[in-house]
C-alpha cells in the first residue's frame, strides 16, 4: 500500500527520518553484480618506489671535503642520524643520503634537493675558476631513479622525432633534469636539443638535426 506524507506520495525507494522523506541514493553500476571498490588511498609528498640500495663506489680522496660539508649542512637541518654514501654514475658523482625522515629533504617534485644542490656546489666551487667540481645530492635514490626515467624519455623522444620528422617539446623540468636529457642526446647524429621559456616553465625541445 502506498503511503502519503505532507500531501505527497512516498513511493518505493524512500525512507522516513526525523519527519523528513530522504531519497535513497543507489550508486550507478556499469553491469549487474559489479563490485564497488573503495578509492585508492591518497599519497602525499614525492612518489616513492621500493628502495633498492646500490653498493657504494670507492670514494676518492678529493671528495672528502665535499662529504664533510654535506654532513655539516645536514646536521644543521636536523638530519644527523643519516648515512651518506658516494656513488659514481654515468651522469656524474653522487652523495646519496640514506635514512628515515627524508621527505622534507626531497621536497615537492625534488625541488628542495635541487635548491640545496645549487647552494652546495656554489660553496664547493667558490673562488674556483678552473677544476670546478660538481656533486649531485640524492636522498634514498630519488634523483638517480629520476635520471634513469629521463634517459628513457630522451631515447623515446629521439625515436619519435626521427619518425615524425618534427620537433617535440618536453614538459617543464628542473635545470639538472634538462641537463640529463641534453647529455643523453648530445652525441646523436639525428637530433639536437635546445631549452626555451623562463623558469619554472623552462622546457627542452628536441629538433631533427637538419631542422
C-alpha atoms as a PDB file:
ATOM      1  CA  UNK A   1       0.000   0.000   0.000  1.00  0.00           C
ATOM      2  CA  UNK A   2       1.323   3.430  -0.895  1.00  0.00           C
ATOM      3  CA  UNK A   3       1.709   5.960   1.890  1.00  0.00           C
ATOM      4  CA  UNK A   4       1.102   9.718   1.628  1.00  0.00           C
ATOM      5  CA  UNK A   5       3.021  12.288   3.627  1.00  0.00           C
ATOM      6  CA  UNK A   6       2.594  16.066   3.566  1.00  0.00           C
ATOM      7  CA  UNK A   7       0.307  15.826   0.556  1.00  0.00           C
ATOM      8  CA  UNK A   8       2.906  13.876  -1.457  1.00  0.00           C
ATOM      9  CA  UNK A   9       3.102  10.217  -2.173  1.00  0.00           C
ATOM     10  CA  UNK A  10       6.043   8.412  -0.620  1.00  0.00           C
ATOM     11  CA  UNK A  11       6.974   5.774  -3.151  1.00  0.00           C
ATOM     12  CA  UNK A  12       9.291   2.814  -3.201  1.00  0.00           C
ATOM     13  CA  UNK A  13      12.939   3.597  -2.518  1.00  0.00           C
ATOM     14  CA  UNK A  14      12.252   6.381   0.006  1.00  0.00           C
ATOM     15  CA  UNK A  15      12.510   6.258   3.777  1.00  0.00           C
ATOM     16  CA  UNK A  16      11.487   8.497   6.631  1.00  0.00           C
ATOM     17  CA  UNK A  17      13.913  10.042   9.118  1.00  0.00           C
ATOM     18  CA  UNK A  18      13.095  12.650  11.759  1.00  0.00           C
ATOM     19  CA  UNK A  19       9.924  13.728   9.966  1.00  0.00           C
ATOM     20  CA  UNK A  20      11.633  14.058   6.554  1.00  0.00           C
ATOM     21  CA  UNK A  21      11.489  11.991   3.449  1.00  0.00           C
ATOM     22  CA  UNK A  22      15.024  11.084   2.325  1.00  0.00           C
ATOM     23  CA  UNK A  23      15.731   9.682  -1.091  1.00  0.00           C
ATOM     24  CA  UNK A  24      17.927   6.569  -1.042  1.00  0.00           C
ATOM     25  CA  UNK A  25      20.889   7.004  -3.365  1.00  0.00           C
ATOM     26  CA  UNK A  26      21.943   3.896  -5.191  1.00  0.00           C
ATOM     27  CA  UNK A  27      25.410   4.060  -6.851  1.00  0.00           C
ATOM     28  CA  UNK A  28      25.354   3.640 -10.592  1.00  0.00           C
ATOM     29  CA  UNK A  29      26.753   0.371 -11.845  1.00  0.00           C
ATOM     30  CA  UNK A  30      28.069  -0.430 -15.272  1.00  0.00           C
ATOM     31  CA  UNK A  31      26.880  -4.010 -15.032  1.00  0.00           C
ATOM     32  CA  UNK A  32      24.985  -6.459 -12.888  1.00  0.00           C
ATOM     33  CA  UNK A  33      26.904  -7.885  -9.983  1.00  0.00           C
ATOM     34  CA  UNK A  34      29.730  -5.341 -10.323  1.00  0.00           C
ATOM     35  CA  UNK A  35      31.660  -4.942  -7.098  1.00  0.00           C
ATOM     36  CA  UNK A  36      32.058  -1.406  -5.849  1.00  0.00           C
ATOM     37  CA  UNK A  37      35.680  -0.805  -4.882  1.00  0.00           C
ATOM     38  CA  UNK A  38      36.853   1.877  -2.489  1.00  0.00           C
ATOM     39  CA  UNK A  39      39.010   4.657  -3.979  1.00  0.00           C
ATOM     40  CA  UNK A  40      42.769   4.193  -3.610  1.00  0.00           C
ATOM     41  CA  UNK A  41      44.386   5.956  -0.652  1.00  0.00           C
ATOM     42  CA  UNK A  42      45.808   9.387  -1.360  1.00  0.00           C
ATOM     43  CA  UNK A  43      49.539   9.852  -1.184  1.00  0.00           C
ATOM     44  CA  UNK A  44      51.339  12.942  -0.038  1.00  0.00           C
ATOM     45  CA  UNK A  45      54.868  14.018  -0.875  1.00  0.00           C
ATOM     46  CA  UNK A  46      57.076  12.814  -3.718  1.00  0.00           C
ATOM     47  CA  UNK A  47      56.301   9.458  -5.308  1.00  0.00           C
ATOM     48  CA  UNK A  48      58.242   6.663  -3.664  1.00  0.00           C
ATOM     49  CA  UNK A  49      59.361   3.401  -5.160  1.00  0.00           C
ATOM     50  CA  UNK A  50      60.787   0.399  -3.323  1.00  0.00           C
ATOM     51  CA  UNK A  51      64.350   1.322  -2.428  1.00  0.00           C
ATOM     52  CA  UNK A  52      66.993  -0.968  -3.872  1.00  0.00           C
ATOM     53  CA  UNK A  53      70.239   0.310  -2.402  1.00  0.00           C
ATOM     54  CA  UNK A  54      73.206   0.360  -4.748  1.00  0.00           C
ATOM     55  CA  UNK A  55      76.600  -0.630  -3.403  1.00  0.00           C
ATOM     56  CA  UNK A  56      78.771   2.449  -2.722  1.00  0.00           C
ATOM     57  CA  UNK A  57      81.620   3.250  -5.105  1.00  0.00           C
ATOM     58  CA  UNK A  58      85.204   3.726  -3.869  1.00  0.00           C
ATOM     59  CA  UNK A  59      85.316   7.304  -2.631  1.00  0.00           C
ATOM     60  CA  UNK A  60      88.237   9.371  -4.000  1.00  0.00           C
ATOM     61  CA  UNK A  61      90.314  11.421  -1.595  1.00  0.00           C
ATOM     62  CA  UNK A  62      89.309  14.709  -3.248  1.00  0.00           C
ATOM     63  CA  UNK A  63      85.649  14.003  -2.333  1.00  0.00           C
ATOM     64  CA  UNK A  64      86.354  14.019   1.429  1.00  0.00           C
ATOM     65  CA  UNK A  65      85.954  17.811   1.924  1.00  0.00           C
ATOM     66  CA  UNK A  66      82.683  17.736  -0.051  1.00  0.00           C
ATOM     67  CA  UNK A  67      81.383  14.922   2.155  1.00  0.00           C
ATOM     68  CA  UNK A  68      82.329  16.842   5.316  1.00  0.00           C
ATOM     69  CA  UNK A  69      80.469  19.923   4.060  1.00  0.00           C
ATOM     70  CA  UNK A  70      77.347  17.880   3.336  1.00  0.00           C
ATOM     71  CA  UNK A  71      77.469  16.272   6.788  1.00  0.00           C
ATOM     72  CA  UNK A  72      77.655  19.741   8.351  1.00  0.00           C
ATOM     73  CA  UNK A  73      74.695  21.035   6.313  1.00  0.00           C
ATOM     74  CA  UNK A  74      72.529  18.018   7.090  1.00  0.00           C
ATOM     75  CA  UNK A  75      73.326  18.241  10.809  1.00  0.00           C
ATOM     76  CA  UNK A  76      72.136  21.859  10.843  1.00  0.00           C
ATOM     77  CA  UNK A  77      68.935  20.670   9.143  1.00  0.00           C
ATOM     78  CA  UNK A  78      68.391  18.177  11.970  1.00  0.00           C
ATOM     79  CA  UNK A  79      69.433  15.197   9.852  1.00  0.00           C
ATOM     80  CA  UNK A  80      72.461  13.977  11.766  1.00  0.00           C
ATOM     81  CA  UNK A  81      71.260  10.358  12.010  1.00  0.00           C
ATOM     82  CA  UNK A  82      71.638   9.534   8.321  1.00  0.00           C
ATOM     83  CA  UNK A  83      74.174   7.640   6.227  1.00  0.00           C
ATOM     84  CA  UNK A  84      75.974   9.275   3.285  1.00  0.00           C
ATOM     85  CA  UNK A  85      77.390   7.069   0.524  1.00  0.00           C
ATOM     86  CA  UNK A  86      79.418   8.016  -2.542  1.00  0.00           C
ATOM     87  CA  UNK A  87      78.168   6.724  -5.909  1.00  0.00           C
ATOM     88  CA  UNK A  88      79.751   7.091  -9.320  1.00  0.00           C
ATOM     89  CA  UNK A  89      77.137   7.174 -12.095  1.00  0.00           C
ATOM     90  CA  UNK A  90      77.312   7.808 -15.823  1.00  0.00           C
ATOM     91  CA  UNK A  91      75.942  11.344 -15.401  1.00  0.00           C
ATOM     92  CA  UNK A  92      78.253  12.286 -12.531  1.00  0.00           C
ATOM     93  CA  UNK A  93      79.214  11.808  -8.887  1.00  0.00           C
ATOM     94  CA  UNK A  94      76.537  11.378  -6.243  1.00  0.00           C
ATOM     95  CA  UNK A  95      76.375  11.702  -2.479  1.00  0.00           C
ATOM     96  CA  UNK A  96      73.293   9.671  -1.572  1.00  0.00           C
ATOM     97  CA  UNK A  97      71.682  10.301   1.806  1.00  0.00           C
ATOM     98  CA  UNK A  98      70.068   7.221   3.330  1.00  0.00           C
ATOM     99  CA  UNK A  99      67.843   7.084   6.386  1.00  0.00           C
ATOM    100  CA  UNK A 100      64.406   7.954   7.739  1.00  0.00           C
ATOM    101  CA  UNK A 101      62.526  11.267   7.596  1.00  0.00           C
ATOM    102  CA  UNK A 102      63.925  12.319   4.221  1.00  0.00           C
ATOM    103  CA  UNK A 103      60.690  13.580   2.639  1.00  0.00           C
ATOM    104  CA  UNK A 104      61.453  17.139   3.771  1.00  0.00           C
ATOM    105  CA  UNK A 105      64.928  16.892   2.230  1.00  0.00           C
ATOM    106  CA  UNK A 106      63.477  15.817  -1.127  1.00  0.00           C
ATOM    107  CA  UNK A 107      60.637  18.336  -1.206  1.00  0.00           C
ATOM    108  CA  UNK A 108      57.824  18.571  -3.714  1.00  0.00           C
ATOM    109  CA  UNK A 109      58.977  17.138  -7.063  1.00  0.00           C
ATOM    110  CA  UNK A 110      62.553  17.168  -5.771  1.00  0.00           C
ATOM    111  CA  UNK A 111      62.734  20.968  -5.615  1.00  0.00           C
ATOM    112  CA  UNK A 112      64.276  21.111  -2.137  1.00  0.00           C
ATOM    113  CA  UNK A 113      67.079  18.782  -3.231  1.00  0.00           C
ATOM    114  CA  UNK A 114      67.578  20.907  -6.352  1.00  0.00           C
ATOM    115  CA  UNK A 115      67.904  24.122  -4.353  1.00  0.00           C
ATOM    116  CA  UNK A 116      70.215  22.520  -1.796  1.00  0.00           C
ATOM    117  CA  UNK A 117      72.385  21.085  -4.565  1.00  0.00           C
ATOM    118  CA  UNK A 118      72.772  24.508  -6.204  1.00  0.00           C
ATOM    119  CA  UNK A 119      73.882  26.174  -2.967  1.00  0.00           C
ATOM    120  CA  UNK A 120      76.104  23.221  -2.060  1.00  0.00           C
ATOM    121  CA  UNK A 121      78.030  23.243  -5.352  1.00  0.00           C
ATOM    122  CA  UNK A 122      78.357  27.039  -5.272  1.00  0.00           C
ATOM    123  CA  UNK A 123      80.047  26.735  -1.868  1.00  0.00           C
ATOM    124  CA  UNK A 124      82.363  23.956  -3.071  1.00  0.00           C
ATOM    125  CA  UNK A 125      83.418  25.916  -6.156  1.00  0.00           C
ATOM    126  CA  UNK A 126      83.585  29.375  -4.579  1.00  0.00           C
ATOM    127  CA  UNK A 127      86.641  31.190  -5.910  1.00  0.00           C
ATOM    128  CA  UNK A 128      87.479  28.373  -8.352  1.00  0.00           C
ATOM    129  CA  UNK A 129      87.924  29.324 -11.985  1.00  0.00           C
ATOM    130  CA  UNK A 130      89.378  26.053 -13.129  1.00  0.00           C
ATOM    131  CA  UNK A 131      88.893  22.477 -11.986  1.00  0.00           C
ATOM    132  CA  UNK A 132      85.367  23.135 -10.776  1.00  0.00           C
ATOM    133  CA  UNK A 133      83.764  20.032  -9.294  1.00  0.00           C
ATOM    134  CA  UNK A 134      80.068  19.197  -9.078  1.00  0.00           C
ATOM    135  CA  UNK A 135      78.284  16.592  -6.985  1.00  0.00           C
ATOM    136  CA  UNK A 136      74.643  15.521  -7.006  1.00  0.00           C
ATOM    137  CA  UNK A 137      72.998  15.254  -3.604  1.00  0.00           C
ATOM    138  CA  UNK A 138      70.424  12.465  -3.578  1.00  0.00           C
ATOM    139  CA  UNK A 139      68.036  11.028  -0.981  1.00  0.00           C
ATOM    140  CA  UNK A 140      67.216   7.316  -0.998  1.00  0.00           C
ATOM    141  CA  UNK A 141      67.899   7.145  -4.747  1.00  0.00           C
ATOM    142  CA  UNK A 142      65.147   9.656  -5.648  1.00  0.00           C
ATOM    143  CA  UNK A 143      67.242  11.615  -8.152  1.00  0.00           C
ATOM    144  CA  UNK A 144      69.001   8.533  -9.506  1.00  0.00           C
ATOM    145  CA  UNK A 145      65.641   6.972 -10.360  1.00  0.00           C
ATOM    146  CA  UNK A 146      64.522  10.228 -11.948  1.00  0.00           C
ATOM    147  CA  UNK A 147      67.736  10.321 -14.015  1.00  0.00           C
ATOM    148  CA  UNK A 148      67.050   6.818 -15.336  1.00  0.00           C
ATOM    149  CA  UNK A 149      63.488   7.846 -16.233  1.00  0.00           C
ATOM    150  CA  UNK A 150      64.790  10.906 -18.092  1.00  0.00           C
ATOM    151  CA  UNK A 151      67.293   8.852 -20.090  1.00  0.00           C
ATOM    152  CA  UNK A 152      64.476   6.532 -21.141  1.00  0.00           C
ATOM    153  CA  UNK A 153      62.365   9.563 -22.069  1.00  0.00           C
ATOM    154  CA  UNK A 154      65.252  11.011 -24.098  1.00  0.00           C
ATOM    155  CA  UNK A 155      65.621   7.860 -26.203  1.00  0.00           C
ATOM    156  CA  UNK A 156      61.859   7.554 -26.728  1.00  0.00           C
ATOM    157  CA  UNK A 157      61.700  11.206 -27.812  1.00  0.00           C
ATOM    158  CA  UNK A 158      64.625  10.700 -30.206  1.00  0.00           C
ATOM    159  CA  UNK A 159      62.769   7.851 -31.904  1.00  0.00           C
ATOM    160  CA  UNK A 160      59.591   9.907 -32.142  1.00  0.00           C
ATOM    161  CA  UNK A 161      61.370  12.947 -33.611  1.00  0.00           C
ATOM    162  CA  UNK A 162      63.058  10.791 -36.255  1.00  0.00           C
ATOM    163  CA  UNK A 163      59.795   9.006 -37.069  1.00  0.00           C
ATOM    164  CA  UNK A 164      57.637  12.147 -37.271  1.00  0.00           C
ATOM    165  CA  UNK A 165      60.356  14.481 -38.630  1.00  0.00           C
ATOM    166  CA  UNK A 166      59.238  17.373 -36.425  1.00  0.00           C
ATOM    167  CA  UNK A 167      60.327  18.997 -33.121  1.00  0.00           C
ATOM    168  CA  UNK A 168      58.974  17.603 -29.851  1.00  0.00           C
ATOM    169  CA  UNK A 169      58.536  19.768 -26.738  1.00  0.00           C
ATOM    170  CA  UNK A 170      59.027  18.075 -23.385  1.00  0.00           C
ATOM    171  CA  UNK A 171      57.371  19.008 -20.107  1.00  0.00           C
ATOM    172  CA  UNK A 172      58.951  21.761 -17.959  1.00  0.00           C
ATOM    173  CA  UNK A 173      61.883  20.383 -15.953  1.00  0.00           C
ATOM    174  CA  UNK A 174      64.367  21.429 -13.315  1.00  0.00           C
ATOM    175  CA  UNK A 175      67.733  22.642 -14.685  1.00  0.00           C
ATOM    176  CA  UNK A 176      69.525  19.484 -13.536  1.00  0.00           C
ATOM    177  CA  UNK A 177      66.889  17.334 -15.259  1.00  0.00           C
ATOM    178  CA  UNK A 178      67.218  19.218 -18.548  1.00  0.00           C
ATOM    179  CA  UNK A 179      70.956  18.691 -18.352  1.00  0.00           C
ATOM    180  CA  UNK A 180      70.484  14.903 -18.127  1.00  0.00           C
ATOM    181  CA  UNK A 181      68.364  14.882 -21.305  1.00  0.00           C
ATOM    182  CA  UNK A 182      70.831  17.211 -23.071  1.00  0.00           C
ATOM    183  CA  UNK A 183      73.704  14.858 -22.252  1.00  0.00           C
ATOM    184  CA  UNK A 184      71.727  11.749 -23.226  1.00  0.00           C
ATOM    185  CA  UNK A 185      71.169  13.151 -26.741  1.00  0.00           C
ATOM    186  CA  UNK A 186      74.369  15.184 -27.147  1.00  0.00           C
ATOM    187  CA  UNK A 187      76.127  12.650 -29.383  1.00  0.00           C
ATOM    188  CA  UNK A 188      73.114  11.739 -31.501  1.00  0.00           C
ATOM    189  CA  UNK A 189      73.594  12.304 -35.259  1.00  0.00           C
ATOM    190  CA  UNK A 190      69.815  12.560 -35.688  1.00  0.00           C
ATOM    191  CA  UNK A 191      68.611  15.215 -33.215  1.00  0.00           C
ATOM    192  CA  UNK A 192      69.679  18.334 -31.345  1.00  0.00           C
ATOM    193  CA  UNK A 193      68.274  19.867 -28.160  1.00  0.00           C
ATOM    194  CA  UNK A 194      67.519  23.409 -27.058  1.00  0.00           C
ATOM    195  CA  UNK A 195      65.893  24.932 -23.983  1.00  0.00           C
ATOM    196  CA  UNK A 196      63.152  27.530 -24.230  1.00  0.00           C
ATOM    197  CA  UNK A 197      60.968  29.504 -21.862  1.00  0.00           C
ATOM    198  CA  UNK A 198      61.512  31.021 -18.426  1.00  0.00           C
ATOM    199  CA  UNK A 199      61.819  29.207 -15.094  1.00  0.00           C
ATOM    200  CA  UNK A 200      59.898  27.438 -13.683  1.00  0.00           C
ATOM    201  CA  UNK A 201      58.262  26.694 -17.069  1.00  0.00           C
ATOM    202  CA  UNK A 202      61.524  26.324 -18.966  1.00  0.00           C
ATOM    203  CA  UNK A 203      61.470  23.182 -21.083  1.00  0.00           C
ATOM    204  CA  UNK A 204      63.543  21.182 -23.547  1.00  0.00           C
ATOM    205  CA  UNK A 205      62.773  20.951 -27.263  1.00  0.00           C
ATOM    206  CA  UNK A 206      64.188  18.098 -29.344  1.00  0.00           C
ATOM    207  CA  UNK A 207      64.662  19.001 -33.028  1.00  0.00           C
ATOM    208  CA  UNK A 208      65.573  16.906 -36.045  1.00  0.00           C
ATOM    209  CA  UNK A 209      69.271  17.523 -36.764  1.00  0.00           C
ATOM    210  CA  UNK A 210      68.621  19.302 -40.051  1.00  0.00           C
ATOM    211  CA  UNK A 211      65.758  21.469 -38.731  1.00  0.00           C
END
